[in-house]
Amino acid sequence: MLSIFRQYTFDDSFEQVFISSKFLKEYQIALTFATDYDQNNLPTNGIFRVNWDTTKVTPESITHFKKQHPEVNIKVYISIGNRGTTFPFSPQNNKSWILNATKSLTNIIKNNKDYNLQVDGIDVLYENIEASPVDFVECIGQLIKNLKENGVIKEASISPSFALNNDFYFLLYRAYSNQIDWVDYQFQNEVVPVFAPNKLVELYDELVLEFYPRKKLFAGYSAENEDWATLSPIVFFLGGMNILKKRKGPGISIHYHNYYQQNSNNE
C-alpha cells in the first residue's frame, strides 16, 4: 500500500531522506515553525513570522527536491505553533487574532515574492494552549476556513497529542471536520510510555474508534533523543508498519533530529 510520509523540519534535511515511489505516493515537508511571537518572544496576537532556516529552505531547494522525485507527489506545509511550552496559543482578542493570522500567513504564503515556496497547506501544532477550548476552536477553525476560501491553501492538518486532544483538538475537528484534511497524532507525547509495537497499534485503534476517521489519521513520532523514553524508534517502526499495512492508515510523520538544535540556535 502506497502511503504518505511527512517530515517536520526547519532546514533542508529533507534532501537527505531516501524516497521511493514503491512505498510512497506523497511526501509532505512540514516547516517548523511559523509563530505569532516577535523576535523578543512577545505575543503578536496572530501576526505570524517564519522561524525555519530561510537560508536553507528556499524556493530553489524545494524546486530541486521536486525535480529529483517526479514520481512522488511533494507537498509543502507550514506548521504553526510550537513544540513544548514556549510560544503557547494565547490570543488577546479572537476577532483581531483571526484577521491578523489570516493576513500574515497569506503574506508568507502568497505575497512574498522573494520567498515563494508554493505552499500547499498549514499544520496546527500547538503543544501549549493558554486559552479556552471555545477560543481555540473559533480562532483556528476560522483561520483554516479563511485561508481555504481565499485560495491561499488547499489542505489543512491538525496535530493533537494526549494532553490536549479531548478538550481542544477533537472539539476543533468536530466543528470543522470538512475543513481538516489530516490529523497527525503525536504519539511521543503519551503520558504512559509506549514500550511495545502492539500497544502503539492499540492506541491508534482507540483514536479511530473514539475520535478521528482512519482515512485521515496519521501516526506521528519524534526521533529526537529526548523523546525516546516515551516511544523508541524500533517500537514506532514496527508499530507504524502495522498501522500502515494492516490497519490501512494513510501515513506517518517524523520530527527529525533538529528541533532542539533549532531552539538552541534561536536562544
C-alpha atoms as a PDB file:
ATOM      1  CA  MET A   1       0.000   0.000   0.000  1.00  0.00           C
ATOM      2  CA  LEU A   2       1.409   3.372  -1.017  1.00  0.00           C
ATOM      3  CA  SER A   3       1.457   5.799   1.894  1.00  0.00           C
ATOM      4  CA  ILE A   4       2.047   9.427   2.817  1.00  0.00           C
ATOM      5  CA  PHE A   5       5.172  10.422   4.703  1.00  0.00           C
ATOM      6  CA  ARG A   6       5.542  13.761   6.481  1.00  0.00           C
ATOM      7  CA  GLN A   7       8.815  15.184   7.727  1.00  0.00           C
ATOM      8  CA  TYR A   8       8.839  18.052  10.202  1.00  0.00           C
ATOM      9  CA  THR A   9      11.964  20.124   9.643  1.00  0.00           C
ATOM     10  CA  PHE A  10      13.364  23.639   9.994  1.00  0.00           C
ATOM     11  CA  ASP A  11      16.124  23.172   7.414  1.00  0.00           C
ATOM     12  CA  ASP A  12      16.852  21.302   4.157  1.00  0.00           C
ATOM     13  CA  SER A  13      17.388  17.915   5.784  1.00  0.00           C
ATOM     14  CA  PHE A  14      14.568  16.569   3.609  1.00  0.00           C
ATOM     15  CA  GLU A  15      17.168  16.372   0.825  1.00  0.00           C
ATOM     16  CA  GLN A  16      18.941  13.596   2.752  1.00  0.00           C
ATOM     17  CA  VAL A  17      15.899  11.335   3.085  1.00  0.00           C
ATOM     18  CA  PHE A  18      15.507   8.299   0.835  1.00  0.00           C
ATOM     19  CA  ILE A  19      12.297   8.448  -1.168  1.00  0.00           C
ATOM     20  CA  SER A  20      10.877   5.645  -3.277  1.00  0.00           C
ATOM     21  CA  SER A  21       7.679   5.552  -5.290  1.00  0.00           C
ATOM     22  CA  LYS A  22       7.488   1.849  -4.408  1.00  0.00           C
ATOM     23  CA  PHE A  23       6.373   2.854  -0.911  1.00  0.00           C
ATOM     24  CA  LEU A  24       5.243   6.480  -1.098  1.00  0.00           C
ATOM     25  CA  LYS A  25       2.571   8.262  -3.046  1.00  0.00           C
ATOM     26  CA  GLU A  26       3.150  11.585  -1.269  1.00  0.00           C
ATOM     27  CA  TYR A  27       5.907  13.299   0.718  1.00  0.00           C
ATOM     28  CA  GLN A  28       4.998  16.255   2.905  1.00  0.00           C
ATOM     29  CA  ILE A  29       7.601  18.753   4.092  1.00  0.00           C
ATOM     30  CA  ALA A  30       6.220  20.437   7.229  1.00  0.00           C
ATOM     31  CA  LEU A  31       8.284  23.534   8.014  1.00  0.00           C
ATOM     32  CA  THR A  32       8.713  24.338  11.713  1.00  0.00           C
ATOM     33  CA  PHE A  33       7.509  26.754  12.762  1.00  0.00           C
ATOM     34  CA  ALA A  34       5.582  29.906  11.969  1.00  0.00           C
ATOM     35  CA  THR A  35       4.882  31.551  15.334  1.00  0.00           C
ATOM     36  CA  ASP A  36       2.796  34.537  16.363  1.00  0.00           C
ATOM     37  CA  TYR A  37       5.561  35.906  18.569  1.00  0.00           C
ATOM     38  CA  ASP A  38       8.105  38.614  17.776  1.00  0.00           C
ATOM     39  CA  GLN A  39      11.915  38.433  17.922  1.00  0.00           C
ATOM     40  CA  ASN A  40      11.771  39.237  21.641  1.00  0.00           C
ATOM     41  CA  ASN A  41       9.413  36.280  22.187  1.00  0.00           C
ATOM     42  CA  LEU A  42       6.464  38.565  22.892  1.00  0.00           C
ATOM     43  CA  PRO A  43       2.992  37.612  21.580  1.00  0.00           C
ATOM     44  CA  THR A  44       1.785  39.420  18.460  1.00  0.00           C
ATOM     45  CA  ASN A  45      -1.873  38.371  18.541  1.00  0.00           C
ATOM     46  CA  GLY A  46      -1.841  36.443  15.294  1.00  0.00           C
ATOM     47  CA  ILE A  47       0.934  38.150  13.318  1.00  0.00           C
ATOM     48  CA  PHE A  48       2.998  35.146  12.275  1.00  0.00           C
ATOM     49  CA  ARG A  49       6.667  35.131  11.346  1.00  0.00           C
ATOM     50  CA  VAL A  50       8.923  32.428   9.958  1.00  0.00           C
ATOM     51  CA  ASN A  51      11.289  30.568  12.312  1.00  0.00           C
ATOM     52  CA  TRP A  52      12.772  27.962   9.977  1.00  0.00           C
ATOM     53  CA  ASP A  53      16.139  28.451   8.275  1.00  0.00           C
ATOM     54  CA  THR A  54      15.348  30.580   5.231  1.00  0.00           C
ATOM     55  CA  THR A  55      18.938  30.310   4.002  1.00  0.00           C
ATOM     56  CA  LYS A  56      18.472  26.558   3.506  1.00  0.00           C
ATOM     57  CA  VAL A  57      14.759  26.236   2.815  1.00  0.00           C
ATOM     58  CA  THR A  58      14.417  28.241  -0.393  1.00  0.00           C
ATOM     59  CA  PRO A  59      12.231  28.122  -3.497  1.00  0.00           C
ATOM     60  CA  GLU A  60      15.259  26.702  -5.294  1.00  0.00           C
ATOM     61  CA  SER A  61      15.819  23.890  -2.776  1.00  0.00           C
ATOM     62  CA  ILE A  62      12.137  22.906  -2.883  1.00  0.00           C
ATOM     63  CA  THR A  63      12.055  23.011  -6.684  1.00  0.00           C
ATOM     64  CA  HIS A  64      15.238  20.953  -6.903  1.00  0.00           C
ATOM     65  CA  PHE A  65      13.823  18.371  -4.483  1.00  0.00           C
ATOM     66  CA  LYS A  66      10.641  18.069  -6.521  1.00  0.00           C
ATOM     67  CA  LYS A  67      12.601  17.609  -9.752  1.00  0.00           C
ATOM     68  CA  GLN A  68      14.629  14.836  -8.136  1.00  0.00           C
ATOM     69  CA  HIS A  69      11.442  12.912  -7.275  1.00  0.00           C
ATOM     70  CA  PRO A  70       8.936  13.441 -10.094  1.00  0.00           C
ATOM     71  CA  GLU A  71       7.288  10.093  -9.341  1.00  0.00           C
ATOM     72  CA  VAL A  72       6.196  11.170  -5.821  1.00  0.00           C
ATOM     73  CA  ASN A  73       3.787  13.991  -5.051  1.00  0.00           C
ATOM     74  CA  ILE A  74       5.777  16.535  -2.996  1.00  0.00           C
ATOM     75  CA  LYS A  75       3.814  18.981  -0.834  1.00  0.00           C
ATOM     76  CA  VAL A  76       4.882  21.794   1.466  1.00  0.00           C
ATOM     77  CA  TYR A  77       3.122  22.601   4.724  1.00  0.00           C
ATOM     78  CA  ILE A  78       3.716  25.437   7.155  1.00  0.00           C
ATOM     79  CA  SER A  79       3.363  24.221  10.727  1.00  0.00           C
ATOM     80  CA  ILE A  80       2.050  26.938  13.037  1.00  0.00           C
ATOM     81  CA  GLY A  81       2.573  26.851  16.792  1.00  0.00           C
ATOM     82  CA  ASN A  82       5.462  25.177  18.580  1.00  0.00           C
ATOM     83  CA  ARG A  83       6.541  22.095  20.471  1.00  0.00           C
ATOM     84  CA  GLY A  84       6.948  22.282  24.242  1.00  0.00           C
ATOM     85  CA  THR A  85       5.792  25.083  26.499  1.00  0.00           C
ATOM     86  CA  THR A  86       7.197  28.096  24.654  1.00  0.00           C
ATOM     87  CA  PHE A  87       5.079  30.199  22.281  1.00  0.00           C
ATOM     88  CA  PRO A  88       1.675  28.982  23.512  1.00  0.00           C
ATOM     89  CA  PHE A  89      -1.579  29.670  21.729  1.00  0.00           C
ATOM     90  CA  SER A  90      -2.777  32.759  23.554  1.00  0.00           C
ATOM     91  CA  PRO A  91      -4.917  35.196  21.515  1.00  0.00           C
ATOM     92  CA  GLN A  92      -5.525  38.622  23.018  1.00  0.00           C
ATOM     93  CA  ASN A  93      -8.743  39.029  21.056  1.00  0.00           C
ATOM     94  CA  ASN A  94     -10.363  36.389  18.868  1.00  0.00           C
ATOM     95  CA  LYS A  95     -11.572  38.654  16.077  1.00  0.00           C
ATOM     96  CA  SER A  96      -8.301  40.530  15.675  1.00  0.00           C
ATOM     97  CA  TRP A  97      -6.253  37.315  16.038  1.00  0.00           C
ATOM     98  CA  ILE A  98      -8.179  35.731  13.163  1.00  0.00           C
ATOM     99  CA  LEU A  99      -7.731  38.818  10.977  1.00  0.00           C
ATOM    100  CA  ASN A 100      -4.025  39.130  11.800  1.00  0.00           C
ATOM    101  CA  ALA A 101      -3.358  35.424  11.337  1.00  0.00           C
ATOM    102  CA  THR A 102      -5.189  35.285   8.016  1.00  0.00           C
ATOM    103  CA  LYS A 103      -3.326  38.319   6.688  1.00  0.00           C
ATOM    104  CA  SER A 104       0.139  37.397   7.960  1.00  0.00           C
ATOM    105  CA  LEU A 105       0.014  33.779   6.767  1.00  0.00           C
ATOM    106  CA  THR A 106      -1.346  34.933   3.414  1.00  0.00           C
ATOM    107  CA  ASN A 107       1.633  37.271   3.146  1.00  0.00           C
ATOM    108  CA  ILE A 108       4.055  34.457   3.974  1.00  0.00           C
ATOM    109  CA  ILE A 109       2.462  32.011   1.548  1.00  0.00           C
ATOM    110  CA  LYS A 110       1.267  34.148  -1.359  1.00  0.00           C
ATOM    111  CA  ASN A 111       2.531  37.715  -1.288  1.00  0.00           C
ATOM    112  CA  ASN A 112       6.237  37.319  -0.525  1.00  0.00           C
ATOM    113  CA  LYS A 113       7.791  37.157  -3.998  1.00  0.00           C
ATOM    114  CA  ASP A 114      11.256  36.566  -2.563  1.00  0.00           C
ATOM    115  CA  TYR A 115      10.068  33.523  -0.664  1.00  0.00           C
ATOM    116  CA  ASN A 116       7.510  31.703  -2.756  1.00  0.00           C
ATOM    117  CA  LEU A 117       7.633  28.044  -1.682  1.00  0.00           C
ATOM    118  CA  GLN A 118       4.387  27.025  -3.378  1.00  0.00           C
ATOM    119  CA  VAL A 119       2.853  26.071  -0.040  1.00  0.00           C
ATOM    120  CA  ASP A 120       0.030  23.519  -0.181  1.00  0.00           C
ATOM    121  CA  GLY A 121      -1.272  23.709   3.380  1.00  0.00           C
ATOM    122  CA  ILE A 122      -0.861  24.536   7.034  1.00  0.00           C
ATOM    123  CA  ASP A 123      -0.493  22.259  10.027  1.00  0.00           C
ATOM    124  CA  VAL A 124      -1.619  23.274  13.518  1.00  0.00           C
ATOM    125  CA  LEU A 125       0.771  22.039  16.201  1.00  0.00           C
ATOM    126  CA  TYR A 126       0.390  23.924  19.463  1.00  0.00           C
ATOM    127  CA  GLU A 127       1.542  21.829  22.416  1.00  0.00           C
ATOM    128  CA  ASN A 128       0.708  24.572  24.904  1.00  0.00           C
ATOM    129  CA  ILE A 129      -2.644  26.359  24.839  1.00  0.00           C
ATOM    130  CA  GLU A 130      -3.390  29.264  27.167  1.00  0.00           C
ATOM    131  CA  ALA A 131      -6.948  29.884  26.031  1.00  0.00           C
ATOM    132  CA  SER A 132     -10.346  28.301  26.414  1.00  0.00           C
ATOM    133  CA  PRO A 133     -11.428  25.472  24.124  1.00  0.00           C
ATOM    134  CA  VAL A 134     -14.057  27.797  22.655  1.00  0.00           C
ATOM    135  CA  ASP A 135     -11.434  30.393  21.739  1.00  0.00           C
ATOM    136  CA  PHE A 136      -9.101  27.773  20.272  1.00  0.00           C
ATOM    137  CA  VAL A 137     -11.830  26.268  18.108  1.00  0.00           C
ATOM    138  CA  GLU A 138     -13.083  29.653  16.899  1.00  0.00           C
ATOM    139  CA  CYS A 139      -9.659  31.105  16.073  1.00  0.00           C
ATOM    140  CA  ILE A 140      -8.022  28.090  14.455  1.00  0.00           C
ATOM    141  CA  GLY A 141     -11.163  26.878  12.711  1.00  0.00           C
ATOM    142  CA  GLN A 142     -11.927  30.258  11.196  1.00  0.00           C
ATOM    143  CA  LEU A 143      -8.292  30.750  10.179  1.00  0.00           C
ATOM    144  CA  ILE A 144      -8.261  27.468   8.261  1.00  0.00           C
ATOM    145  CA  LYS A 145     -11.605  28.301   6.660  1.00  0.00           C
ATOM    146  CA  ASN A 146     -10.427  31.774   5.622  1.00  0.00           C
ATOM    147  CA  LEU A 147      -7.189  30.505   4.076  1.00  0.00           C
ATOM    148  CA  LYS A 148      -9.017  27.804   2.149  1.00  0.00           C
ATOM    149  CA  GLU A 149     -11.840  30.015   0.936  1.00  0.00           C
ATOM    150  CA  ASN A 150      -9.329  32.680  -0.150  1.00  0.00           C
ATOM    151  CA  GLY A 151      -7.387  30.105  -2.157  1.00  0.00           C
ATOM    152  CA  VAL A 152      -4.250  30.533  -0.038  1.00  0.00           C
ATOM    153  CA  ILE A 153      -4.033  26.832   0.868  1.00  0.00           C
ATOM    154  CA  LYS A 154      -5.619  23.648  -0.394  1.00  0.00           C
ATOM    155  CA  GLU A 155      -5.134  21.454   2.664  1.00  0.00           C
ATOM    156  CA  ALA A 156      -5.014  21.689   6.442  1.00  0.00           C
ATOM    157  CA  SER A 157      -3.991  19.332   9.214  1.00  0.00           C
ATOM    158  CA  ILE A 158      -4.080  19.347  12.984  1.00  0.00           C
ATOM    159  CA  SER A 159      -1.524  17.615  15.221  1.00  0.00           C
ATOM    160  CA  PRO A 160      -3.052  16.719  18.580  1.00  0.00           C
ATOM    161  CA  SER A 161      -1.404  14.920  21.462  1.00  0.00           C
ATOM    162  CA  PHE A 162      -2.696  13.218  24.581  1.00  0.00           C
ATOM    163  CA  ALA A 163      -2.957  16.196  26.953  1.00  0.00           C
ATOM    164  CA  LEU A 164      -4.820  18.457  24.529  1.00  0.00           C
ATOM    165  CA  ASN A 165      -6.791  16.052  22.383  1.00  0.00           C
ATOM    166  CA  ASN A 166     -10.097  15.736  24.212  1.00  0.00           C
ATOM    167  CA  ASP A 167     -10.638  19.343  25.274  1.00  0.00           C
ATOM    168  CA  PHE A 168      -9.143  21.166  22.287  1.00  0.00           C
ATOM    169  CA  TYR A 169      -8.216  19.327  19.106  1.00  0.00           C
ATOM    170  CA  PHE A 170     -11.131  16.937  18.946  1.00  0.00           C
ATOM    171  CA  LEU A 171     -13.561  19.799  19.532  1.00  0.00           C
ATOM    172  CA  LEU A 172     -11.848  21.675  16.703  1.00  0.00           C
ATOM    173  CA  TYR A 173     -12.103  18.672  14.418  1.00  0.00           C
ATOM    174  CA  ARG A 174     -15.735  18.071  15.279  1.00  0.00           C
ATOM    175  CA  ALA A 175     -16.620  21.687  14.469  1.00  0.00           C
ATOM    176  CA  TYR A 176     -14.528  21.938  11.279  1.00  0.00           C
ATOM    177  CA  SER A 177     -14.159  18.357  10.044  1.00  0.00           C
ATOM    178  CA  ASN A 178     -14.983  19.404   6.478  1.00  0.00           C
ATOM    179  CA  GLN A 179     -12.025  21.831   6.517  1.00  0.00           C
ATOM    180  CA  ILE A 180      -9.461  19.481   8.101  1.00  0.00           C
ATOM    181  CA  ASP A 181      -7.862  17.006   5.707  1.00  0.00           C
ATOM    182  CA  TRP A 182      -5.433  15.200   8.034  1.00  0.00           C
ATOM    183  CA  VAL A 183      -4.982  14.515  11.742  1.00  0.00           C
ATOM    184  CA  ASP A 184      -1.345  13.870  12.669  1.00  0.00           C
ATOM    185  CA  TYR A 185      -1.495  12.462  16.192  1.00  0.00           C
ATOM    186  CA  GLN A 186       1.777  12.909  18.137  1.00  0.00           C
ATOM    187  CA  PHE A 187       2.382   9.622  19.945  1.00  0.00           C
ATOM    188  CA  GLN A 188       5.654  10.766  21.554  1.00  0.00           C
ATOM    189  CA  ASN A 189       3.571  12.845  23.976  1.00  0.00           C
ATOM    190  CA  GLU A 190       1.692   9.978  25.599  1.00  0.00           C
ATOM    191  CA  VAL A 191       1.616  10.159  29.404  1.00  0.00           C
ATOM    192  CA  VAL A 192       2.401   6.451  29.747  1.00  0.00           C
ATOM    193  CA  PRO A 193       5.441   5.290  27.699  1.00  0.00           C
ATOM    194  CA  VAL A 194       4.727   3.056  24.721  1.00  0.00           C
ATOM    195  CA  PHE A 195       7.081   0.091  25.105  1.00  0.00           C
ATOM    196  CA  ALA A 196       5.601  -2.354  22.586  1.00  0.00           C
ATOM    197  CA  PRO A 197       4.517  -2.107  18.920  1.00  0.00           C
ATOM    198  CA  ASN A 198       1.161  -3.722  19.656  1.00  0.00           C
ATOM    199  CA  LYS A 199       0.478  -1.034  22.273  1.00  0.00           C
ATOM    200  CA  LEU A 200       1.052   1.663  19.651  1.00  0.00           C
ATOM    201  CA  VAL A 201      -1.393  -0.078  17.331  1.00  0.00           C
ATOM    202  CA  GLU A 202      -3.886  -0.381  20.189  1.00  0.00           C
ATOM    203  CA  LEU A 203      -3.684   3.360  20.875  1.00  0.00           C
ATOM    204  CA  TYR A 204      -4.161   4.090  17.172  1.00  0.00           C
ATOM    205  CA  ASP A 205      -7.240   1.864  17.049  1.00  0.00           C
ATOM    206  CA  GLU A 206      -8.688   3.647  20.092  1.00  0.00           C
ATOM    207  CA  LEU A 207      -8.270   7.022  18.368  1.00  0.00           C
ATOM    208  CA  VAL A 208     -10.112   5.684  15.325  1.00  0.00           C
ATOM    209  CA  LEU A 209     -12.877   4.276  17.494  1.00  0.00           C
ATOM    210  CA  GLU A 210     -13.387   7.381  19.637  1.00  0.00           C
ATOM    211  CA  PHE A 211     -12.197  10.438  17.713  1.00  0.00           C
ATOM    212  CA  TYR A 212     -10.937  10.533  14.120  1.00  0.00           C
ATOM    213  CA  PRO A 213     -11.660   8.657  10.876  1.00  0.00           C
ATOM    214  CA  ARG A 214      -8.947   6.192   9.900  1.00  0.00           C
ATOM    215  CA  LYS A 215      -8.694   7.648   6.397  1.00  0.00           C
ATOM    216  CA  LYS A 216      -7.382  10.931   7.869  1.00  0.00           C
ATOM    217  CA  LEU A 217      -5.325   9.713  10.832  1.00  0.00           C
ATOM    218  CA  PHE A 218      -1.508   9.756  10.664  1.00  0.00           C
ATOM    219  CA  ALA A 219       0.726   8.128  13.261  1.00  0.00           C
ATOM    220  CA  GLY A 220       3.130  10.861  14.390  1.00  0.00           C
ATOM    221  CA  TYR A 221       6.521  10.353  16.011  1.00  0.00           C
ATOM    222  CA  SER A 222       9.573  12.289  17.199  1.00  0.00           C
ATOM    223  CA  ALA A 223      13.057  10.909  16.526  1.00  0.00           C
ATOM    224  CA  GLU A 224      14.608  13.375  18.981  1.00  0.00           C
ATOM    225  CA  ASN A 225      16.669  11.552  21.609  1.00  0.00           C
ATOM    226  CA  GLU A 226      14.767  13.365  24.353  1.00  0.00           C
ATOM    227  CA  ASP A 227      11.527  11.681  23.233  1.00  0.00           C
ATOM    228  CA  TRP A 228      12.810   8.105  23.098  1.00  0.00           C
ATOM    229  CA  ALA A 229      11.861   7.453  26.730  1.00  0.00           C
ATOM    230  CA  THR A 230       8.218   7.630  25.664  1.00  0.00           C
ATOM    231  CA  LEU A 231       8.450   5.967  22.261  1.00  0.00           C
ATOM    232  CA  SER A 232      11.608   4.388  20.873  1.00  0.00           C
ATOM    233  CA  PRO A 233      12.460   4.236  17.130  1.00  0.00           C
ATOM    234  CA  ILE A 234      12.138   0.459  16.890  1.00  0.00           C
ATOM    235  CA  VAL A 235       8.729   0.425  18.598  1.00  0.00           C
ATOM    236  CA  PHE A 236       7.444   3.130  16.271  1.00  0.00           C
ATOM    237  CA  PHE A 237       8.893   1.462  13.174  1.00  0.00           C
ATOM    238  CA  LEU A 238       7.305  -1.905  13.914  1.00  0.00           C
ATOM    239  CA  GLY A 239       4.021  -0.462  15.150  1.00  0.00           C
ATOM    240  CA  GLY A 240       3.916   2.093  12.347  1.00  0.00           C
ATOM    241  CA  MET A 241       4.354  -0.592   9.685  1.00  0.00           C
ATOM    242  CA  ASN A 242       1.446  -2.481  11.203  1.00  0.00           C
ATOM    243  CA  ILE A 243      -0.690   0.682  11.158  1.00  0.00           C
ATOM    244  CA  LEU A 244       0.120   1.330   7.505  1.00  0.00           C
ATOM    245  CA  LYS A 245      -0.218  -2.231   6.226  1.00  0.00           C
ATOM    246  CA  LYS A 246      -2.782  -3.968   8.414  1.00  0.00           C
ATOM    247  CA  ARG A 247      -4.756  -1.024   9.783  1.00  0.00           C
ATOM    248  CA  LYS A 248      -4.563   0.817   6.441  1.00  0.00           C
ATOM    249  CA  GLY A 249      -3.603   4.133   7.993  1.00  0.00           C
ATOM    250  CA  PRO A 250      -2.892   6.830   5.364  1.00  0.00           C
ATOM    251  CA  GLY A 251       0.542   7.854   6.583  1.00  0.00           C
ATOM    252  CA  ILE A 252       3.124   8.571   9.259  1.00  0.00           C
ATOM    253  CA  SER A 253       5.174  11.590  10.286  1.00  0.00           C
ATOM    254  CA  ILE A 254       8.535  12.104  11.951  1.00  0.00           C
ATOM    255  CA  HIS A 255      10.256  15.018  13.685  1.00  0.00           C
ATOM    256  CA  TYR A 256      13.924  14.509  12.860  1.00  0.00           C
ATOM    257  CA  HIS A 257      16.985  15.315  14.986  1.00  0.00           C
ATOM    258  CA  ASN A 258      16.871  19.057  14.559  1.00  0.00           C
ATOM    259  CA  TYR A 259      14.112  20.521  16.724  1.00  0.00           C
ATOM    260  CA  TYR A 260      16.214  21.023  19.850  1.00  0.00           C
ATOM    261  CA  GLN A 261      19.107  22.262  17.736  1.00  0.00           C
ATOM    262  CA  GLN A 262      16.750  24.834  16.250  1.00  0.00           C
ATOM    263  CA  ASN A 263      15.641  26.003  19.681  1.00  0.00           C
ATOM    264  CA  SER A 264      19.220  26.304  20.939  1.00  0.00           C
ATOM    265  CA  ASN A 265      20.150  28.313  17.872  1.00  0.00           C
ATOM    266  CA  ASN A 266      17.278  30.706  18.498  1.00  0.00           C
ATOM    267  CA  GLU A 267      18.141  31.327  22.137  1.00  0.00           C
END
